[in-house]
């Protein structure tokens, strides 16, 4: 049976979704935006590096809310509104969250727009230890 998780203290969803859905030990974490968990109306951080860090910190909040952390992440998808301009800075910020020998599989794509006019969004797939 699937479990649908809404995490107390995680950012307010920008659309109708669960923060995470879990089935058979697999955990699918909804793409997080660079919004502030304590104040959804607060302006987004300036620049893709700061937004990437806010997104990653929001993902950590969601994972922590279900007893997991970044070491459980197997796959990530990154969405950028300015792929050519923001790819290097996003990569530098993103890479700082994972040890060099334990980085998840990843896809990164350019998109025409994101909710809240964000520059970056990231979703994850994790696996609960069995």
N, C-alpha and C. Protein backbone atom coordinates (compact mmCIF):
# COMPACT_ATOMS: atom_id res chain seq x y z
N UNK A 1 0.83 -1.19 0.00
CA UNK A 1 0.00 0.00 0.00
C UNK A 1 0.87 1.25 0.00
N UNK A 2 0.44 2.22 -0.72
CA UNK A 2 1.17 3.49 -0.77
C UNK A 2 0.87 4.33 0.46
N UNK A 3 1.88 5.05 0.91
CA UNK A 3 1.72 6.02 1.99
C UNK A 3 1.95 7.40 1.40
N UNK A 4 1.07 8.32 1.70
CA UNK A 4 1.13 9.68 1.19
C UNK A 4 1.54 10.58 2.35
N UNK A 5 2.71 11.20 2.24
CA UNK A 5 3.29 11.96 3.35
C UNK A 5 3.16 13.46 3.14
N UNK A 6 2.64 14.14 4.15
CA UNK A 6 2.70 15.60 4.24
C UNK A 6 3.55 15.88 5.48
N UNK A 7 4.61 16.62 5.32
CA UNK A 7 5.61 16.80 6.36
C UNK A 7 5.41 18.13 7.08
N UNK A 8 5.19 18.03 8.39
CA UNK A 8 5.09 19.24 9.20
C UNK A 8 6.43 19.97 9.15
N UNK A 9 6.39 21.29 8.94
CA UNK A 9 7.60 22.08 8.89
C UNK A 9 8.23 22.18 7.51
N UNK A 10 7.74 21.38 6.56
CA UNK A 10 8.23 21.48 5.19
C UNK A 10 7.49 22.62 4.49
N UNK A 11 8.00 23.09 3.36
CA UNK A 11 7.35 24.20 2.67
C UNK A 11 5.90 23.89 2.28
N UNK A 12 5.11 24.94 2.25
CA UNK A 12 3.74 24.83 1.80
C UNK A 12 3.74 24.43 0.33
N UNK A 13 2.99 23.39 -0.04
CA UNK A 13 2.94 23.01 -1.46
C UNK A 13 2.44 24.15 -2.34
N UNK A 14 3.04 24.26 -3.53
CA UNK A 14 2.62 25.29 -4.48
C UNK A 14 1.54 24.77 -5.43
N UNK A 15 1.15 23.50 -5.25
CA UNK A 15 0.14 22.85 -6.09
C UNK A 15 -0.45 21.69 -5.26
N UNK A 16 -1.48 21.00 -5.77
CA UNK A 16 -2.08 19.89 -5.02
C UNK A 16 -1.23 18.62 -5.13
N UNK A 17 -0.35 18.39 -4.16
CA UNK A 17 0.48 17.19 -4.14
C UNK A 17 0.87 16.84 -2.72
N UNK A 18 1.35 15.62 -2.53
CA UNK A 18 1.96 15.19 -1.27
C UNK A 18 3.44 15.53 -1.34
N UNK A 19 4.05 15.78 -0.18
CA UNK A 19 5.49 16.01 -0.18
C UNK A 19 6.25 14.78 -0.66
N UNK A 20 5.74 13.60 -0.30
CA UNK A 20 6.38 12.35 -0.71
C UNK A 20 5.34 11.25 -0.74
N UNK A 21 5.58 10.28 -1.60
CA UNK A 21 4.74 9.08 -1.67
C UNK A 21 5.68 7.88 -1.59
N UNK A 22 5.30 6.93 -0.75
CA UNK A 22 6.14 5.77 -0.48
C UNK A 22 5.39 4.48 -0.80
N UNK A 23 6.08 3.55 -1.47
CA UNK A 23 5.51 2.24 -1.76
C UNK A 23 6.64 1.22 -1.84
N UNK A 24 6.50 0.14 -1.11
CA UNK A 24 7.49 -0.95 -1.13
C UNK A 24 8.91 -0.47 -0.87
N UNK A 25 9.07 0.51 0.01
CA UNK A 25 10.39 1.01 0.35
C UNK A 25 10.91 2.10 -0.57
N UNK A 26 10.25 2.31 -1.71
CA UNK A 26 10.62 3.39 -2.62
C UNK A 26 9.92 4.66 -2.19
N UNK A 27 10.64 5.76 -2.21
CA UNK A 27 10.09 7.05 -1.80
C UNK A 27 10.30 8.06 -2.92
N UNK A 28 9.21 8.63 -3.37
CA UNK A 28 9.22 9.60 -4.46
C UNK A 28 8.94 10.97 -3.84
N UNK A 29 9.95 11.84 -3.87
CA UNK A 29 9.84 13.14 -3.24
C UNK A 29 9.49 14.17 -4.31
N UNK A 30 8.39 14.85 -4.10
CA UNK A 30 7.93 15.87 -5.04
C UNK A 30 8.99 16.94 -5.20
N UNK A 31 9.10 17.46 -6.41
CA UNK A 31 10.03 18.55 -6.68
C UNK A 31 9.78 19.71 -5.72
N UNK A 32 10.86 20.16 -5.12
CA UNK A 32 10.77 21.27 -4.18
C UNK A 32 11.20 22.56 -4.85
N UNK A 33 10.59 23.62 -4.41
CA UNK A 33 10.86 24.96 -4.91
C UNK A 33 11.76 25.67 -3.89
N UNK A 34 12.36 26.79 -4.27
CA UNK A 34 13.20 27.54 -3.33
C UNK A 34 12.39 28.47 -2.42
N UNK A 35 11.28 27.94 -1.92
CA UNK A 35 10.44 28.71 -1.00
C UNK A 35 10.92 28.48 0.44
N UNK A 36 10.52 29.36 1.30
CA UNK A 36 10.93 29.30 2.71
C UNK A 36 9.89 28.51 3.49
N UNK A 37 10.31 27.50 4.24
CA UNK A 37 9.34 26.67 4.96
C UNK A 37 8.56 27.42 6.04
N UNK A 38 9.14 28.50 6.56
CA UNK A 38 8.48 29.23 7.64
C UNK A 38 7.64 30.41 7.15
N UNK A 39 7.78 30.77 5.86
CA UNK A 39 7.04 31.92 5.34
C UNK A 39 6.94 31.82 3.82
N UNK A 40 5.86 31.23 3.35
CA UNK A 40 5.67 31.02 1.92
C UNK A 40 5.59 32.31 1.12
N UNK A 41 5.26 33.43 1.78
CA UNK A 41 5.12 34.69 1.06
C UNK A 41 6.45 35.44 0.93
N UNK A 42 7.46 34.97 1.61
CA UNK A 42 8.78 35.61 1.56
C UNK A 42 9.36 35.49 0.14
N UNK A 43 10.02 36.52 -0.37
CA UNK A 43 10.61 36.44 -1.71
C UNK A 43 11.61 35.29 -1.81
N UNK A 44 11.71 34.71 -2.99
CA UNK A 44 12.66 33.63 -3.22
C UNK A 44 14.08 34.17 -3.10
N UNK A 45 15.04 33.31 -2.74
CA UNK A 45 16.43 33.76 -2.69
C UNK A 45 16.86 34.27 -4.07
N UNK A 46 17.84 35.16 -4.07
CA UNK A 46 18.37 35.74 -5.31
C UNK A 46 19.40 34.81 -5.93
N UNK A 47 19.26 34.50 -7.18
CA UNK A 47 20.25 33.74 -7.92
C UNK A 47 20.09 32.24 -7.81
N UNK A 48 20.61 31.54 -8.81
CA UNK A 48 20.41 30.10 -8.89
C UNK A 48 21.17 29.34 -7.80
N UNK A 49 22.34 29.83 -7.40
CA UNK A 49 23.08 29.13 -6.34
C UNK A 49 22.29 29.15 -5.03
N UNK A 50 21.81 30.31 -4.63
CA UNK A 50 21.03 30.42 -3.40
C UNK A 50 19.72 29.64 -3.52
N UNK A 51 19.09 29.68 -4.69
CA UNK A 51 17.85 28.92 -4.87
C UNK A 51 18.11 27.42 -4.82
N UNK A 52 19.21 26.96 -5.40
CA UNK A 52 19.54 25.53 -5.35
C UNK A 52 19.75 25.10 -3.91
N UNK A 53 20.44 25.89 -3.13
CA UNK A 53 20.66 25.54 -1.71
C UNK A 53 19.33 25.50 -0.95
N UNK A 54 18.44 26.43 -1.23
CA UNK A 54 17.13 26.45 -0.55
C UNK A 54 16.32 25.21 -0.95
N UNK A 55 16.36 24.85 -2.23
CA UNK A 55 15.67 23.65 -2.71
C UNK A 55 16.24 22.42 -2.01
N UNK A 56 17.56 22.29 -1.98
CA UNK A 56 18.17 21.12 -1.34
C UNK A 56 17.83 21.07 0.14
N UNK A 57 17.85 22.21 0.81
CA UNK A 57 17.49 22.23 2.23
C UNK A 57 16.02 21.84 2.43
N UNK A 58 15.15 22.24 1.50
CA UNK A 58 13.75 21.82 1.58
C UNK A 58 13.61 20.32 1.36
N UNK A 59 14.38 19.77 0.44
CA UNK A 59 14.36 18.32 0.21
C UNK A 59 14.84 17.58 1.46
N UNK A 60 15.85 18.12 2.13
CA UNK A 60 16.35 17.52 3.38
C UNK A 60 15.25 17.53 4.44
N UNK A 61 14.47 18.61 4.51
CA UNK A 61 13.35 18.67 5.46
C UNK A 61 12.33 17.57 5.18
N UNK A 62 11.99 17.39 3.92
CA UNK A 62 11.02 16.35 3.55
C UNK A 62 11.57 14.97 3.88
N UNK A 63 12.80 14.70 3.47
CA UNK A 63 13.41 13.40 3.79
C UNK A 63 13.46 13.16 5.30
N UNK A 64 13.88 14.16 6.05
CA UNK A 64 13.96 14.03 7.50
C UNK A 64 12.61 13.76 8.14
N UNK A 65 11.56 14.32 7.54
CA UNK A 65 10.22 14.12 8.07
C UNK A 65 9.73 12.69 7.97
N UNK A 66 10.40 11.88 7.15
CA UNK A 66 10.03 10.46 7.03
C UNK A 66 11.20 9.55 7.44
N UNK A 67 12.14 10.14 8.19
CA UNK A 67 13.23 9.35 8.74
C UNK A 67 14.33 8.98 7.77
N UNK A 68 14.49 9.74 6.70
CA UNK A 68 15.54 9.48 5.72
C UNK A 68 16.44 10.71 5.59
N UNK A 69 17.52 10.56 4.82
CA UNK A 69 18.40 11.68 4.54
C UNK A 69 18.97 11.52 3.13
N UNK A 70 19.86 12.39 2.75
CA UNK A 70 20.37 12.36 1.38
C UNK A 70 21.13 11.08 1.04
N UNK A 71 21.62 10.37 2.04
CA UNK A 71 22.32 9.11 1.75
C UNK A 71 21.38 8.05 1.19
N UNK A 72 20.07 8.23 1.34
CA UNK A 72 19.08 7.28 0.83
C UNK A 72 18.64 7.61 -0.60
N UNK A 73 19.10 8.73 -1.13
CA UNK A 73 18.68 9.19 -2.46
C UNK A 73 19.44 8.43 -3.55
N UNK A 74 18.68 7.91 -4.50
CA UNK A 74 19.26 7.17 -5.62
C UNK A 74 19.20 7.92 -6.93
N UNK A 75 18.24 8.84 -7.06
CA UNK A 75 18.05 9.53 -8.33
C UNK A 75 17.51 10.92 -8.08
N UNK A 76 17.95 11.86 -8.91
CA UNK A 76 17.47 13.25 -8.83
C UNK A 76 17.15 13.75 -10.23
N UNK A 77 16.17 14.64 -10.29
CA UNK A 77 15.87 15.34 -11.53
C UNK A 77 15.91 16.84 -11.22
N UNK A 78 16.64 17.56 -12.04
CA UNK A 78 16.81 19.00 -11.86
C UNK A 78 16.18 19.70 -13.06
N UNK A 79 15.44 20.76 -12.77
CA UNK A 79 14.79 21.56 -13.81
C UNK A 79 15.32 22.99 -13.69
N UNK A 80 15.83 23.54 -14.79
CA UNK A 80 16.39 24.89 -14.81
C UNK A 80 15.70 25.73 -15.87
N UNK A 81 15.37 26.98 -15.51
CA UNK A 81 14.74 27.86 -16.49
C UNK A 81 15.76 28.54 -17.40
N UNK A 82 17.03 28.61 -16.99
CA UNK A 82 18.09 29.17 -17.82
C UNK A 82 19.23 28.15 -17.83
N UNK A 83 19.06 27.11 -18.63
CA UNK A 83 19.99 25.99 -18.60
C UNK A 83 21.43 26.44 -18.87
N UNK A 84 21.66 27.15 -19.94
CA UNK A 84 23.03 27.56 -20.29
C UNK A 84 23.63 28.49 -19.25
N UNK A 85 22.85 29.43 -18.78
CA UNK A 85 23.38 30.42 -17.84
C UNK A 85 23.56 29.91 -16.42
N UNK A 86 22.66 29.02 -15.99
CA UNK A 86 22.65 28.62 -14.58
C UNK A 86 23.23 27.24 -14.29
N UNK A 87 23.51 26.46 -15.32
CA UNK A 87 23.98 25.09 -15.11
C UNK A 87 25.25 25.00 -14.25
N UNK A 88 26.29 25.77 -14.52
CA UNK A 88 27.50 25.65 -13.70
C UNK A 88 27.28 26.00 -12.22
N UNK A 89 26.59 27.09 -11.94
CA UNK A 89 26.37 27.49 -10.55
C UNK A 89 25.46 26.51 -9.82
N UNK A 90 24.43 26.02 -10.51
CA UNK A 90 23.56 25.02 -9.89
C UNK A 90 24.37 23.77 -9.56
N UNK A 91 25.20 23.31 -10.50
CA UNK A 91 26.01 22.11 -10.27
C UNK A 91 26.91 22.26 -9.06
N UNK A 92 27.55 23.41 -8.92
CA UNK A 92 28.45 23.63 -7.79
C UNK A 92 27.69 23.55 -6.48
N UNK A 93 26.54 24.19 -6.40
CA UNK A 93 25.75 24.14 -5.17
C UNK A 93 25.23 22.73 -4.92
N UNK A 94 24.68 22.10 -5.93
CA UNK A 94 24.12 20.74 -5.81
C UNK A 94 25.19 19.75 -5.35
N UNK A 95 26.35 19.79 -5.99
CA UNK A 95 27.42 18.83 -5.69
C UNK A 95 27.88 18.91 -4.24
N UNK A 96 27.76 20.06 -3.62
CA UNK A 96 28.23 20.22 -2.24
C UNK A 96 27.39 19.42 -1.24
N UNK A 97 26.26 18.91 -1.66
CA UNK A 97 25.38 18.14 -0.77
C UNK A 97 25.66 16.64 -0.78
N UNK A 98 26.50 16.16 -1.69
CA UNK A 98 26.76 14.73 -1.81
C UNK A 98 28.26 14.46 -1.84
N UNK A 99 28.71 13.38 -1.19
CA UNK A 99 30.12 13.01 -1.33
C UNK A 99 30.42 12.65 -2.79
N UNK A 100 31.62 12.95 -3.24
CA UNK A 100 31.99 12.72 -4.63
C UNK A 100 31.86 11.29 -5.09
N UNK A 101 31.96 10.34 -4.17
CA UNK A 101 31.86 8.93 -4.55
C UNK A 101 30.47 8.34 -4.31
N UNK A 102 29.49 9.20 -3.98
CA UNK A 102 28.13 8.71 -3.72
C UNK A 102 27.10 9.71 -4.20
N UNK A 103 27.17 10.03 -5.47
CA UNK A 103 26.20 10.96 -6.05
C UNK A 103 25.08 10.17 -6.71
N UNK A 104 23.85 10.62 -6.54
CA UNK A 104 22.73 9.92 -7.18
C UNK A 104 22.80 10.01 -8.70
N UNK A 105 22.14 9.08 -9.37
CA UNK A 105 21.91 9.23 -10.80
C UNK A 105 21.11 10.53 -10.97
N UNK A 106 21.30 11.20 -12.12
CA UNK A 106 20.64 12.50 -12.24
C UNK A 106 20.34 12.84 -13.69
N UNK A 107 19.21 13.52 -13.86
CA UNK A 107 18.85 14.13 -15.13
C UNK A 107 18.67 15.61 -14.87
N UNK A 108 19.12 16.44 -15.80
CA UNK A 108 18.94 17.88 -15.67
C UNK A 108 18.41 18.39 -17.00
N UNK A 109 17.31 19.11 -16.95
CA UNK A 109 16.68 19.61 -18.18
C UNK A 109 16.37 21.09 -18.07
N UNK A 110 16.37 21.75 -19.21
CA UNK A 110 15.93 23.12 -19.28
C UNK A 110 14.42 23.17 -19.51
N UNK A 111 13.76 24.08 -18.83
CA UNK A 111 12.30 24.23 -18.94
C UNK A 111 11.97 25.69 -19.21
N UNK A 112 10.77 25.92 -19.70
CA UNK A 112 10.37 27.29 -20.03
C UNK A 112 9.87 28.08 -18.83
N UNK A 113 9.53 27.41 -17.75
CA UNK A 113 9.07 28.11 -16.57
C UNK A 113 8.82 27.16 -15.42
N UNK A 114 8.85 27.72 -14.21
CA UNK A 114 8.57 26.96 -12.99
C UNK A 114 7.62 27.78 -12.12
N UNK A 115 6.94 27.11 -11.21
CA UNK A 115 6.04 27.79 -10.27
C UNK A 115 6.82 28.86 -9.51
N UNK A 116 6.12 29.92 -9.16
CA UNK A 116 6.67 31.03 -8.39
C UNK A 116 7.83 31.73 -9.09
N UNK A 117 7.96 31.51 -10.40
CA UNK A 117 9.06 32.08 -11.18
C UNK A 117 10.42 31.67 -10.64
N UNK A 118 10.49 30.47 -10.09
CA UNK A 118 11.75 29.95 -9.58
C UNK A 118 12.71 29.67 -10.72
N UNK A 119 13.99 29.65 -10.40
CA UNK A 119 15.04 29.34 -11.37
C UNK A 119 15.34 27.85 -11.42
N UNK A 120 15.03 27.12 -10.33
CA UNK A 120 15.40 25.71 -10.22
C UNK A 120 14.35 24.96 -9.38
N UNK A 121 14.15 23.71 -9.74
CA UNK A 121 13.32 22.78 -8.98
C UNK A 121 14.03 21.42 -9.05
N UNK A 122 13.96 20.67 -7.96
CA UNK A 122 14.60 19.35 -7.92
C UNK A 122 13.65 18.37 -7.25
N UNK A 123 13.51 17.19 -7.87
CA UNK A 123 12.77 16.10 -7.21
C UNK A 123 13.71 14.91 -7.03
N UNK A 124 13.32 13.99 -6.17
CA UNK A 124 14.18 12.87 -5.80
C UNK A 124 13.44 11.55 -5.77
N UNK A 125 14.19 10.47 -5.93
CA UNK A 125 13.73 9.12 -5.64
C UNK A 125 14.70 8.54 -4.62
N UNK A 126 14.16 8.03 -3.53
CA UNK A 126 14.98 7.46 -2.47
C UNK A 126 14.49 6.04 -2.19
N UNK A 127 15.28 5.30 -1.46
CA UNK A 127 14.91 3.92 -1.08
C UNK A 127 15.15 3.78 0.42
N UNK A 128 14.11 3.31 1.09
CA UNK A 128 14.21 3.07 2.53
C UNK A 128 15.03 1.79 2.75
N UNK A 129 15.99 1.79 3.68
CA UNK A 129 16.76 0.57 3.93
C UNK A 129 15.84 -0.57 4.35
N UNK A 130 16.13 -1.73 3.84
CA UNK A 130 15.25 -2.86 4.07
C UNK A 130 15.72 -3.72 5.16
